């Protein structure tokens, strides 16, 4: 979550930006979260079926 200097890394900042967008009801942020969760669910199913 943080780099060596104690600052947020880019990946964490991007995720937090998406969540703030969702909290503020940003349509694009909601779509991004939906796409991420769908891709994650598909990967879980693939790994469980192995």
PDB file of N, CA and C in Angstrom:
ATOM      1  N   UNK A   1       0.806  -1.187   0.000  1.00  0.00           N
ATOM      2  CA  UNK A   1       0.000   0.000   0.000  1.00  0.00           C
ATOM      3  C   UNK A   1       0.855   1.260   0.000  1.00  0.00           C
ATOM      4  N   UNK A   2       1.988   1.187   0.656  1.00  0.00           N
ATOM      5  CA  UNK A   2       2.854   2.353   0.723  1.00  0.00           C
ATOM      6  C   UNK A   2       4.226   2.001   0.174  1.00  0.00           C
ATOM      7  N   UNK A   3       4.895   3.037  -0.342  1.00  0.00           N
ATOM      8  CA  UNK A   3       6.253   2.814  -0.811  1.00  0.00           C
ATOM      9  C   UNK A   3       7.229   2.992   0.357  1.00  0.00           C
ATOM     10  N   UNK A   4       8.510   2.980   0.052  1.00  0.00           N
ATOM     11  CA  UNK A   4       9.537   3.083   1.091  1.00  0.00           C
ATOM     12  C   UNK A   4       9.472   4.392   1.867  1.00  0.00           C
ATOM     13  N   UNK A   5       8.937   5.427   1.239  1.00  0.00           N
ATOM     14  CA  UNK A   5       8.862   6.751   1.866  1.00  0.00           C
ATOM     15  C   UNK A   5       7.551   6.970   2.613  1.00  0.00           C
ATOM     16  N   UNK A   6       6.699   5.946   2.652  1.00  0.00           N
ATOM     17  CA  UNK A   6       5.440   6.054   3.368  1.00  0.00           C
ATOM     18  C   UNK A   6       4.305   6.662   2.566  1.00  0.00           C
ATOM     19  N   UNK A   7       4.534   6.875   1.275  1.00  0.00           N
ATOM     20  CA  UNK A   7       3.486   7.432   0.414  1.00  0.00           C
ATOM     21  C   UNK A   7       2.700   6.301  -0.230  1.00  0.00           C
ATOM     22  N   UNK A   8       1.429   6.590  -0.569  1.00  0.00           N
ATOM     23  CA  UNK A   8       0.611   5.589  -1.248  1.00  0.00           C
ATOM     24  C   UNK A   8       1.212   5.248  -2.598  1.00  0.00           C
ATOM     25  N   UNK A   9       1.217   3.955  -2.933  1.00  0.00           N
ATOM     26  CA  UNK A   9       1.696   3.589  -4.262  1.00  0.00           C
ATOM     27  C   UNK A   9       0.585   3.842  -5.279  1.00  0.00           C
ATOM     28  N   UNK A  10       0.921   3.792  -6.539  1.00  0.00           N
ATOM     29  CA  UNK A  10      -0.032   4.118  -7.610  1.00  0.00           C
ATOM     30  C   UNK A  10      -1.236   3.188  -7.616  1.00  0.00           C
ATOM     31  N   UNK A  11      -1.004   1.908  -7.412  1.00  0.00           N
ATOM     32  CA  UNK A  11      -2.105   0.936  -7.444  1.00  0.00           C
ATOM     33  C   UNK A  11      -3.126   1.232  -6.344  1.00  0.00           C
ATOM     34  N   UNK A  12      -2.646   1.512  -5.152  1.00  0.00           N
ATOM     35  CA  UNK A  12      -3.548   1.827  -4.039  1.00  0.00           C
ATOM     36  C   UNK A  12      -4.297   3.126  -4.301  1.00  0.00           C
ATOM     37  N   UNK A  13      -3.609   4.125  -4.829  1.00  0.00           N
ATOM     38  CA  UNK A  13      -4.261   5.409  -5.135  1.00  0.00           C
ATOM     39  C   UNK A  13      -5.352   5.223  -6.186  1.00  0.00           C
ATOM     40  N   UNK A  14      -5.099   4.388  -7.179  1.00  0.00           N
ATOM     41  CA  UNK A  14      -6.108   4.140  -8.214  1.00  0.00           C
ATOM     42  C   UNK A  14      -7.338   3.452  -7.636  1.00  0.00           C
ATOM     43  N   UNK A  15      -7.127   2.477  -6.764  1.00  0.00           N
ATOM     44  CA  UNK A  15      -8.255   1.773  -6.147  1.00  0.00           C
ATOM     45  C   UNK A  15      -9.051   2.722  -5.266  1.00  0.00           C
ATOM     46  N   UNK A  16      -8.364   3.522  -4.477  1.00  0.00           N
ATOM     47  CA  UNK A  16      -9.065   4.480  -3.616  1.00  0.00           C
ATOM     48  C   UNK A  16      -9.847   5.499  -4.438  1.00  0.00           C
ATOM     49  N   UNK A  17      -9.294   5.922  -5.570  1.00  0.00           N
ATOM     50  CA  UNK A  17      -9.989   6.859  -6.445  1.00  0.00           C
ATOM     51  C   UNK A  17     -11.284   6.242  -6.959  1.00  0.00           C
ATOM     52  N   UNK A  18     -11.233   4.972  -7.342  1.00  0.00           N
ATOM     53  CA  UNK A  18     -12.443   4.288  -7.800  1.00  0.00           C
ATOM     54  C   UNK A  18     -13.493   4.230  -6.691  1.00  0.00           C
ATOM     55  N   UNK A  19     -13.073   3.875  -5.481  1.00  0.00           N
ATOM     56  CA  UNK A  19     -14.027   3.771  -4.385  1.00  0.00           C
ATOM     57  C   UNK A  19     -14.640   5.119  -4.026  1.00  0.00           C
ATOM     58  N   UNK A  20     -13.842   6.176  -4.060  1.00  0.00           N
ATOM     59  CA  UNK A  20     -14.388   7.511  -3.795  1.00  0.00           C
ATOM     60  C   UNK A  20     -15.393   7.879  -4.879  1.00  0.00           C
ATOM     61  N   UNK A  21     -15.085   7.543  -6.112  1.00  0.00           N
ATOM     62  CA  UNK A  21     -16.019   7.795  -7.207  1.00  0.00           C
ATOM     63  C   UNK A  21     -17.330   7.066  -7.014  1.00  0.00           C
ATOM     64  N   UNK A  22     -17.247   5.820  -6.557  1.00  0.00           N
ATOM     65  CA  UNK A  22     -18.458   5.048  -6.300  1.00  0.00           C
ATOM     66  C   UNK A  22     -19.258   5.686  -5.180  1.00  0.00           C
ATOM     67  N   UNK A  23     -18.582   6.104  -4.125  1.00  0.00           N
ATOM     68  CA  UNK A  23     -19.279   6.726  -2.999  1.00  0.00           C
ATOM     69  C   UNK A  23     -19.982   8.014  -3.418  1.00  0.00           C
ATOM     70  N   UNK A  24     -19.412   8.697  -4.402  1.00  0.00           N
ATOM     71  CA  UNK A  24     -20.008   9.944  -4.877  1.00  0.00           C
ATOM     72  C   UNK A  24     -20.941   9.683  -6.057  1.00  0.00           C
ATOM     73  N   UNK A  25     -21.238   8.410  -6.298  1.00  0.00           N
ATOM     74  CA  UNK A  25     -22.167   7.972  -7.338  1.00  0.00           C
ATOM     75  C   UNK A  25     -21.741   8.339  -8.753  1.00  0.00           C
ATOM     76  N   UNK A  26     -20.447   8.266  -9.006  1.00  0.00           N
ATOM     77  CA  UNK A  26     -19.926   8.498 -10.346  1.00  0.00           C
ATOM     78  C   UNK A  26     -20.232   7.275 -11.206  1.00  0.00           C
ATOM     79  N   UNK A  27     -20.958   7.464 -12.274  1.00  0.00           N
ATOM     80  CA  UNK A  27     -21.368   6.364 -13.157  1.00  0.00           C
ATOM     81  C   UNK A  27     -20.151   5.619 -13.707  1.00  0.00           C
ATOM     82  N   UNK A  28     -19.124   6.331 -14.108  1.00  0.00           N
ATOM     83  CA  UNK A  28     -17.936   5.694 -14.674  1.00  0.00           C
ATOM     84  C   UNK A  28     -17.215   4.855 -13.625  1.00  0.00           C
ATOM     85  N   UNK A  29     -17.154   5.343 -12.399  1.00  0.00           N
ATOM     86  CA  UNK A  29     -16.492   4.588 -11.340  1.00  0.00           C
ATOM     87  C   UNK A  29     -17.260   3.312 -11.038  1.00  0.00           C
ATOM     88  N   UNK A  30     -18.570   3.385 -11.019  1.00  0.00           N
ATOM     89  CA  UNK A  30     -19.392   2.199 -10.776  1.00  0.00           C
ATOM     90  C   UNK A  30     -19.168   1.177 -11.886  1.00  0.00           C
ATOM     91  N   UNK A  31     -19.108   1.626 -13.117  1.00  0.00           N
ATOM     92  CA  UNK A  31     -18.857   0.717 -14.240  1.00  0.00           C
ATOM     93  C   UNK A  31     -17.484   0.065 -14.117  1.00  0.00           C
ATOM     94  N   UNK A  32     -16.493   0.831 -13.697  1.00  0.00           N
ATOM     95  CA  UNK A  32     -15.145   0.282 -13.540  1.00  0.00           C
ATOM     96  C   UNK A  32     -15.116  -0.781 -12.450  1.00  0.00           C
ATOM     97  N   UNK A  33     -15.760  -0.510 -11.325  1.00  0.00           N
ATOM     98  CA  UNK A  33     -15.809  -1.489 -10.236  1.00  0.00           C
ATOM     99  C   UNK A  33     -16.539  -2.751 -10.692  1.00  0.00           C
ATOM    100  N   UNK A  34     -17.627  -2.582 -11.418  1.00  0.00           N
ATOM    101  CA  UNK A  34     -18.365  -3.749 -11.929  1.00  0.00           C
ATOM    102  C   UNK A  34     -17.498  -4.588 -12.860  1.00  0.00           C
ATOM    103  N   UNK A  35     -16.730  -3.944 -13.713  1.00  0.00           N
ATOM    104  CA  UNK A  35     -15.854  -4.669 -14.631  1.00  0.00           C
ATOM    105  C   UNK A  35     -14.753  -5.403 -13.864  1.00  0.00           C
ATOM    106  N   UNK A  36     -14.213  -4.761 -12.847  1.00  0.00           N
ATOM    107  CA  UNK A  36     -13.155  -5.387 -12.043  1.00  0.00           C
ATOM    108  C   UNK A  36     -13.701  -6.601 -11.303  1.00  0.00           C
ATOM    109  N   UNK A  37     -14.870  -6.455 -10.695  1.00  0.00           N
ATOM    110  CA  UNK A  37     -15.431  -7.571  -9.934  1.00  0.00           C
ATOM    111  C   UNK A  37     -15.835  -8.731 -10.854  1.00  0.00           C
ATOM    112  N   UNK A  38     -16.307  -8.415 -12.051  1.00  0.00           N
ATOM    113  CA  UNK A  38     -16.655  -9.476 -13.002  1.00  0.00           C
ATOM    114  C   UNK A  38     -15.402 -10.243 -13.413  1.00  0.00           C
ATOM    115  N   UNK A  39     -14.323  -9.526 -13.714  1.00  0.00           N
ATOM    116  CA  UNK A  39     -13.077 -10.178 -14.105  1.00  0.00           C
ATOM    117  C   UNK A  39     -12.525 -11.012 -12.948  1.00  0.00           C
ATOM    118  N   UNK A  40     -12.622 -10.497 -11.739  1.00  0.00           N
ATOM    119  CA  UNK A  40     -12.153 -11.229 -10.573  1.00  0.00           C
ATOM    120  C   UNK A  40     -12.963 -12.510 -10.377  1.00  0.00           C
ATOM    121  N   UNK A  41     -14.273 -12.398 -10.501  1.00  0.00           N
ATOM    122  CA  UNK A  41     -15.145 -13.575 -10.348  1.00  0.00           C
ATOM    123  C   UNK A  41     -14.822 -14.633 -11.402  1.00  0.00           C
ATOM    124  N   UNK A  42     -14.563 -14.213 -12.631  1.00  0.00           N
ATOM    125  CA  UNK A  42     -14.227 -15.165 -13.683  1.00  0.00           C
ATOM    126  C   UNK A  42     -12.926 -15.900 -13.363  1.00  0.00           C
ATOM    127  N   UNK A  43     -11.944 -15.184 -12.816  1.00  0.00           N
ATOM    128  CA  UNK A  43     -10.678 -15.813 -12.444  1.00  0.00           C
ATOM    129  C   UNK A  43     -10.856 -16.803 -11.295  1.00  0.00           C
ATOM    130  N   UNK A  44     -11.705 -16.454 -10.341  1.00  0.00           N
ATOM    131  CA  UNK A  44     -11.964 -17.352  -9.216  1.00  0.00           C
ATOM    132  C   UNK A  44     -12.590 -18.654  -9.726  1.00  0.00           C
ATOM    133  N   UNK A  45     -13.558 -18.541 -10.609  1.00  0.00           N
ATOM    134  CA  UNK A  45     -14.210 -19.725 -11.149  1.00  0.00           C
ATOM    135  C   UNK A  45     -13.204 -20.603 -11.890  1.00  0.00           C
ATOM    136  N   UNK A  46     -12.353 -19.983 -12.702  1.00  0.00           N
ATOM    137  CA  UNK A  46     -11.343 -20.757 -13.452  1.00  0.00           C
ATOM    138  C   UNK A  46     -10.419 -21.494 -12.512  1.00  0.00           C
ATOM    139  N   UNK A  47     -10.002 -20.830 -11.436  1.00  0.00           N
ATOM    140  CA  UNK A  47      -9.066 -21.467 -10.502  1.00  0.00           C
ATOM    141  C   UNK A  47      -9.736 -22.566  -9.682  1.00  0.00           C
ATOM    142  N   UNK A  48     -11.007 -22.375  -9.366  1.00  0.00           N
ATOM    143  CA  UNK A  48     -11.715 -23.396  -8.600  1.00  0.00           C
ATOM    144  C   UNK A  48     -11.965 -24.648  -9.416  1.00  0.00           C
ATOM    145  N   UNK A  49     -12.128 -24.489 -10.724  1.00  0.00           N
ATOM    146  CA  UNK A  49     -12.417 -25.629 -11.593  1.00  0.00           C
ATOM    147  C   UNK A  49     -11.168 -26.427 -11.975  1.00  0.00           C
ATOM    148  N   UNK A  50      -9.995 -25.938 -11.646  1.00  0.00           N
ATOM    149  CA  UNK A  50      -8.740 -26.659 -11.979  1.00  0.00           C
ATOM    150  C   UNK A  50      -8.547 -27.841 -11.077  1.00  0.00           C
TER     151      UNK A  50
END
